[in-house]
């Protein structure tokens, strides 16, 4: 969801979290989704660190 696609822009972290919460057990496995939501800040920190280490493509 956070990746830019040809057909849509990247979605914000807040939007992604709300989508997981809203669709838990529908689109997302409830056990895995709960773990992701319980550790959301750690996941966000890791993603931001990974993104900051990538060279920017122009």
C-alpha atoms as a PDB file:
ATOM      1  CA  UNK A   1       0.000   0.000   0.000  1.00  0.00           C
ATOM      2  CA  UNK A   2       2.871   2.353   0.706  1.00  0.00           C
ATOM      3  CA  UNK A   3       4.465   1.932  -2.702  1.00  0.00           C
ATOM      4  CA  UNK A   4       3.634   4.290  -5.548  1.00  0.00           C
ATOM      5  CA  UNK A   5       2.016   2.468  -8.433  1.00  0.00           C
ATOM      6  CA  UNK A   6       1.378   3.508 -12.006  1.00  0.00           C
ATOM      7  CA  UNK A   7      -2.348   3.607 -11.283  1.00  0.00           C
ATOM      8  CA  UNK A   8      -2.218   5.294  -7.834  1.00  0.00           C
ATOM      9  CA  UNK A   9       0.001   7.246  -5.455  1.00  0.00           C
ATOM     10  CA  UNK A  10       1.530   5.731  -2.335  1.00  0.00           C
ATOM     11  CA  UNK A  11      -0.774   5.678   0.674  1.00  0.00           C
ATOM     12  CA  UNK A  12       0.122   7.250   4.015  1.00  0.00           C
ATOM     13  CA  UNK A  13       1.090   5.197   7.057  1.00  0.00           C
ATOM     14  CA  UNK A  14      -2.070   6.321   8.861  1.00  0.00           C
ATOM     15  CA  UNK A  15      -4.243   5.243   5.952  1.00  0.00           C
ATOM     16  CA  UNK A  16      -2.489   1.860   5.793  1.00  0.00           C
ATOM     17  CA  UNK A  17      -3.036   1.243   9.495  1.00  0.00           C
ATOM     18  CA  UNK A  18      -6.722   2.153   9.248  1.00  0.00           C
ATOM     19  CA  UNK A  19      -7.150  -0.145   6.240  1.00  0.00           C
ATOM     20  CA  UNK A  20      -5.604  -3.059   8.148  1.00  0.00           C
ATOM     21  CA  UNK A  21      -7.825  -2.342  11.177  1.00  0.00           C
ATOM     22  CA  UNK A  22     -10.953  -2.023   9.010  1.00  0.00           C
ATOM     23  CA  UNK A  23     -10.278  -5.192   6.991  1.00  0.00           C
ATOM     24  CA  UNK A  24      -8.863  -7.430   9.723  1.00  0.00           C
ATOM     25  CA  UNK A  25     -10.315 -10.874   9.157  1.00  0.00           C
ATOM     26  CA  UNK A  26     -11.724  -9.855   5.761  1.00  0.00           C
ATOM     27  CA  UNK A  27      -8.718  -9.058   3.559  1.00  0.00           C
ATOM     28  CA  UNK A  28      -5.995  -9.633   6.166  1.00  0.00           C
ATOM     29  CA  UNK A  29      -5.342 -12.670   8.327  1.00  0.00           C
ATOM     30  CA  UNK A  30      -6.539 -11.702  11.836  1.00  0.00           C
ATOM     31  CA  UNK A  31      -3.544 -13.178  13.666  1.00  0.00           C
ATOM     32  CA  UNK A  32      -0.934 -11.600  11.392  1.00  0.00           C
ATOM     33  CA  UNK A  33      -2.817  -8.300  11.231  1.00  0.00           C
ATOM     34  CA  UNK A  34      -3.048  -8.136  15.023  1.00  0.00           C
ATOM     35  CA  UNK A  35       0.694  -8.704  15.369  1.00  0.00           C
ATOM     36  CA  UNK A  36       1.365  -5.990  12.775  1.00  0.00           C
ATOM     37  CA  UNK A  37      -0.939  -3.539  14.575  1.00  0.00           C
ATOM     38  CA  UNK A  38       0.513  -4.415  18.000  1.00  0.00           C
ATOM     39  CA  UNK A  39       4.019  -3.662  16.663  1.00  0.00           C
ATOM     40  CA  UNK A  40       3.053  -0.814  14.320  1.00  0.00           C
ATOM     41  CA  UNK A  41       5.562   1.739  15.646  1.00  0.00           C
ATOM     42  CA  UNK A  42       8.421  -0.749  15.276  1.00  0.00           C
ATOM     43  CA  UNK A  43       7.356  -1.577  11.723  1.00  0.00           C
ATOM     44  CA  UNK A  44       7.098   2.120  10.821  1.00  0.00           C
ATOM     45  CA  UNK A  45      10.541   2.832  12.293  1.00  0.00           C
ATOM     46  CA  UNK A  46      12.055  -0.021  10.288  1.00  0.00           C
ATOM     47  CA  UNK A  47      10.370   1.089   7.051  1.00  0.00           C
ATOM     48  CA  UNK A  48      11.504   4.683   7.486  1.00  0.00           C
ATOM     49  CA  UNK A  49      15.084   3.556   8.127  1.00  0.00           C
ATOM     50  CA  UNK A  50      14.987   1.352   5.024  1.00  0.00           C
ATOM     51  CA  UNK A  51      13.615   4.189   2.898  1.00  0.00           C
ATOM     52  CA  UNK A  52      16.173   6.703   4.119  1.00  0.00           C
ATOM     53  CA  UNK A  53      19.009   4.381   3.097  1.00  0.00           C
ATOM     54  CA  UNK A  54      17.804   4.056  -0.498  1.00  0.00           C
ATOM     55  CA  UNK A  55      19.104   6.370  -3.183  1.00  0.00           C
ATOM     56  CA  UNK A  56      16.383   8.596  -4.593  1.00  0.00           C
ATOM     57  CA  UNK A  57      15.310   7.850  -8.146  1.00  0.00           C
ATOM     58  CA  UNK A  58      14.565  10.929 -10.196  1.00  0.00           C
END
